[in-house]
Every structure is written in structure tokens, then in C-alpha cells.
Amino acid sequence: MKSTVHRRAFIAATTIAIPSIAIAGRLPRQGSMEQMDFHDLMKQIGKSYKAMRSPMRSLDTEDQWETASFYANEMTILLAQAIAAAEQVDIASQSKSDYDGDKEAYANALRNNLADTAIATLTLSKALWNKDSDTAKSTFGKLRLARNDGHAQFQEDD
């Protein structure tokens, strides 16, 4: 990909990222043909996160900065969509005692976790576009911890 493509993608992503979070609650509900699959969204977020690792290692070139910011914005959008689809998730076995069968409370806790992560990806994007290497690398490290914590609480063991 050319850097122009990344710039255009960044503009498009930031143009829709905040409105996506705002309208997430107005997206089609379960049972609708247009319903997004939570697990597919999470897989896409994971792919973006993994693709981001390589450019985040050095941030030596303009292309690495732009590529990393593209993935940060993509993750923000996907996280906003996952917030809307959180009611699809069943209570993970490791969290059953914490929620005592209250699927609504579980979905709200999941939404809060996803929203916090979306805020972190926006912070990461901002740091990348401002070429603030220290903040970018620190925030990227925090994303890994957030992912691990989220998986520990919300991901069902296979």
C-alpha cells in the first residue's frame, strides 16, 4: 500500500470512528439480518492488532507510522461495532460466579471493557499521528494488557 492510501484511510477512519461509537446503540439488534457477529468482529480486531506489531517495533519510517495509525483506527471502528454486538456473548464459564446468570450485567461489563479499549486505540492513533513514539509504544503495550485482561474475563475457553 502507498502512504497516500493510508492517509486517506486515516481520514475516513477518523471521520467515522467517533460517530460509530455514538450510533453503536442504534445498530440493528439480535435477530436482524444486518446483525454483526461479535466473534467475527473480535477476530478482525485481533488481526489488526497482530498486523500492527511489526510497524510498532521501530517506527523508523513514515510508512510505519501511517500503517500503525491505520490499524489503530481500524481497531477503534471494530471495537465500536463490537460494543453494539455485545449482547450476543454468553457468560464465560470463568465469570459465571461473578454474574450469577445476569447476562445483561455481563454484556454491560463487556461493553465497558470494549469502550475503554476503543479509547486506548484512539489515544494510540493520536500519538502515532503526532509522532509521539513514547506515548505510542506505551499505549500499544497497554493494549496488550487490556486484551489479556479482557480475554481472561470474557473469552470462553475452547
Protein backbone atom coordinates (compact mmCIF):
# COMPACT_ATOMS: atom_id res chain seq x y z
CA MET A 1 0.00 0.00 0.00
CA LYS A 2 1.08 3.52 -0.67
CA SER A 3 1.22 6.12 2.06
CA THR A 4 -1.48 8.12 0.25
CA VAL A 5 -3.81 5.19 0.74
CA HIS A 6 -3.03 5.14 4.44
CA ARG A 7 -3.64 8.88 4.73
CA ARG A 8 -7.00 8.55 3.02
CA ALA A 9 -7.86 5.56 5.18
CA PHE A 10 -6.94 7.55 8.28
CA ILE A 11 -9.16 10.43 7.25
CA ALA A 12 -12.02 8.06 6.52
CA ALA A 13 -11.50 6.14 9.76
CA THR A 14 -11.35 9.21 11.96
CA THR A 15 -14.34 10.69 10.18
CA ILE A 16 -16.46 7.70 11.11
CA ALA A 17 -14.82 6.48 14.33
CA ILE A 18 -16.49 8.89 16.74
CA PRO A 19 -19.90 8.77 15.04
CA SER A 20 -19.63 4.97 15.04
CA ILE A 21 -19.24 4.95 18.79
CA ALA A 22 -22.15 7.38 19.11
CA ILE A 23 -24.51 5.33 16.95
CA ALA A 24 -23.41 1.92 18.20
CA GLY A 25 -26.52 1.67 20.34
CA ARG A 26 -28.75 2.31 17.33
CA LEU A 27 -27.48 -0.55 15.19
CA PRO A 28 -29.76 -3.48 14.33
CA ARG A 29 -30.47 -5.81 17.24
CA GLN A 30 -30.21 -9.56 17.50
CA GLY A 31 -32.39 -11.42 15.05
CA SER A 32 -31.92 -8.80 12.35
CA MET A 33 -30.36 -9.91 9.08
CA GLU A 34 -27.96 -7.00 9.41
CA GLN A 35 -26.67 -8.02 12.85
CA MET A 36 -22.88 -8.07 13.13
CA ASP A 37 -21.30 -11.16 14.62
CA PHE A 38 -19.40 -10.30 17.80
CA HIS A 39 -16.87 -13.09 17.41
CA ASP A 40 -16.10 -12.14 13.79
CA LEU A 41 -15.52 -8.55 14.89
CA MET A 42 -13.17 -9.69 17.64
CA LYS A 43 -11.22 -11.84 15.16
CA GLN A 44 -10.84 -8.82 12.88
CA ILE A 45 -9.61 -6.73 15.83
CA GLY A 46 -7.07 -9.44 16.63
CA LYS A 47 -5.83 -9.48 13.04
CA SER A 48 -5.41 -5.70 13.07
CA TYR A 49 -3.57 -5.87 16.39
CA LYS A 50 -1.20 -8.54 15.06
CA ALA A 51 -0.60 -6.61 11.83
CA MET A 52 0.28 -3.57 13.92
CA ARG A 53 3.08 -5.32 15.82
CA SER A 54 5.65 -5.08 13.05
CA PRO A 55 5.43 -1.33 12.35
CA MET A 56 5.23 -0.60 16.09
CA ARG A 57 8.61 -2.28 16.72
CA SER A 58 10.63 0.52 15.20
CA LEU A 59 8.56 3.40 13.82
CA ASP A 60 11.56 4.38 11.70
CA THR A 61 9.79 5.35 8.50
CA GLU A 62 6.79 7.47 7.60
CA ASP A 63 5.12 4.36 6.23
CA GLN A 64 5.44 2.56 9.58
CA TRP A 65 3.82 5.48 11.42
CA GLU A 66 0.97 5.62 8.90
CA THR A 67 0.46 1.85 8.81
CA ALA A 68 0.30 1.64 12.60
CA SER A 69 -2.17 4.53 12.79
CA PHE A 70 -4.33 2.94 10.09
CA TYR A 71 -4.61 -0.23 12.18
CA ALA A 72 -5.28 1.73 15.37
CA ASN A 73 -8.20 3.49 13.66
CA GLU A 74 -9.49 0.25 12.19
CA MET A 75 -9.47 -1.31 15.65
CA THR A 76 -11.40 1.67 17.05
CA ILE A 77 -14.15 1.23 14.49
CA LEU A 78 -14.33 -2.53 15.02
CA LEU A 79 -14.45 -2.06 18.80
CA ALA A 80 -17.37 0.36 18.43
CA GLN A 81 -19.19 -2.23 16.35
CA ALA A 82 -18.39 -4.96 18.89
CA ILE A 83 -19.94 -2.80 21.63
CA ALA A 84 -23.22 -2.93 19.72
CA ALA A 85 -22.99 -6.71 19.36
CA ALA A 86 -22.01 -7.49 22.98
CA GLU A 87 -25.42 -8.95 23.84
CA GLN A 88 -24.55 -11.94 21.61
CA VAL A 89 -21.93 -13.16 24.07
CA ASP A 90 -22.84 -15.81 26.61
CA ILE A 91 -21.36 -15.56 30.09
CA ALA A 92 -17.93 -17.21 30.05
CA SER A 93 -17.52 -20.12 32.42
CA GLN A 94 -14.79 -18.36 34.41
CA SER A 95 -17.17 -15.42 35.04
CA LYS A 96 -20.39 -17.29 35.85
CA SER A 97 -20.00 -16.92 39.60
CA ASP A 98 -19.33 -13.17 39.25
CA TYR A 99 -22.54 -12.51 37.29
CA ASP A 100 -24.86 -15.22 38.69
CA GLY A 101 -26.61 -15.64 35.35
CA ASP A 102 -27.21 -11.89 34.82
CA LYS A 103 -26.44 -11.73 31.11
CA GLU A 104 -27.33 -8.03 30.91
CA ALA A 105 -24.79 -7.10 33.60
CA TYR A 106 -22.21 -9.28 31.86
CA ALA A 107 -22.88 -7.60 28.49
CA ASN A 108 -22.60 -4.16 30.11
CA ALA A 109 -19.28 -5.09 31.72
CA LEU A 110 -18.08 -6.33 28.33
CA ARG A 111 -19.24 -3.08 26.68
CA ASN A 112 -17.37 -1.03 29.29
CA ASN A 113 -14.21 -3.06 28.67
CA LEU A 114 -14.55 -2.61 24.89
CA ALA A 115 -15.20 1.13 25.25
CA ASP A 116 -12.09 1.56 27.40
CA THR A 117 -10.09 -0.30 24.77
CA ALA A 118 -11.56 1.87 21.99
CA ILE A 119 -10.47 4.97 23.91
CA ALA A 120 -6.97 3.48 24.14
CA THR A 121 -6.86 2.84 20.38
CA LEU A 122 -7.90 6.45 19.75
CA THR A 123 -5.15 7.61 22.11
CA LEU A 124 -2.71 5.40 20.23
CA SER A 125 -3.84 6.83 16.90
CA LYS A 126 -3.38 10.37 18.17
CA ALA A 127 0.12 9.58 19.45
CA LEU A 128 1.05 7.98 16.12
CA TRP A 129 -0.16 10.90 14.05
CA ASN A 130 1.68 13.31 16.36
CA LYS A 131 4.80 11.12 16.06
CA ASP A 132 4.96 10.72 19.84
CA SER A 133 6.91 7.48 19.97
CA ASP A 134 6.99 7.14 23.77
CA THR A 135 3.22 7.53 24.18
CA ALA A 136 2.53 5.32 21.15
CA LYS A 137 4.69 2.47 22.41
CA SER A 138 3.38 2.81 25.97
CA THR A 139 -0.25 2.80 24.80
CA PHE A 140 0.39 -0.15 22.48
CA GLY A 141 1.80 -2.07 25.46
CA LYS A 142 -1.31 -1.20 27.48
CA LEU A 143 -3.48 -2.58 24.66
CA ARG A 144 -1.79 -5.94 25.08
CA LEU A 145 -2.56 -5.93 28.80
CA ALA A 146 -6.17 -4.85 28.13
CA ARG A 147 -6.53 -7.67 25.60
CA ASN A 148 -5.18 -10.24 28.04
CA ASP A 149 -7.40 -8.97 30.88
CA GLY A 150 -10.45 -8.93 28.61
CA HIS A 151 -9.79 -12.45 27.42
CA ALA A 152 -9.32 -13.66 30.99
CA GLN A 153 -12.73 -12.33 31.99
CA PHE A 154 -14.84 -12.55 28.83
CA GLN A 155 -13.41 -15.15 26.44
CA GLU A 156 -14.71 -18.68 26.72
CA ASP A 157 -12.01 -21.35 26.76
CA ASP A 158 -12.22 -23.60 23.70
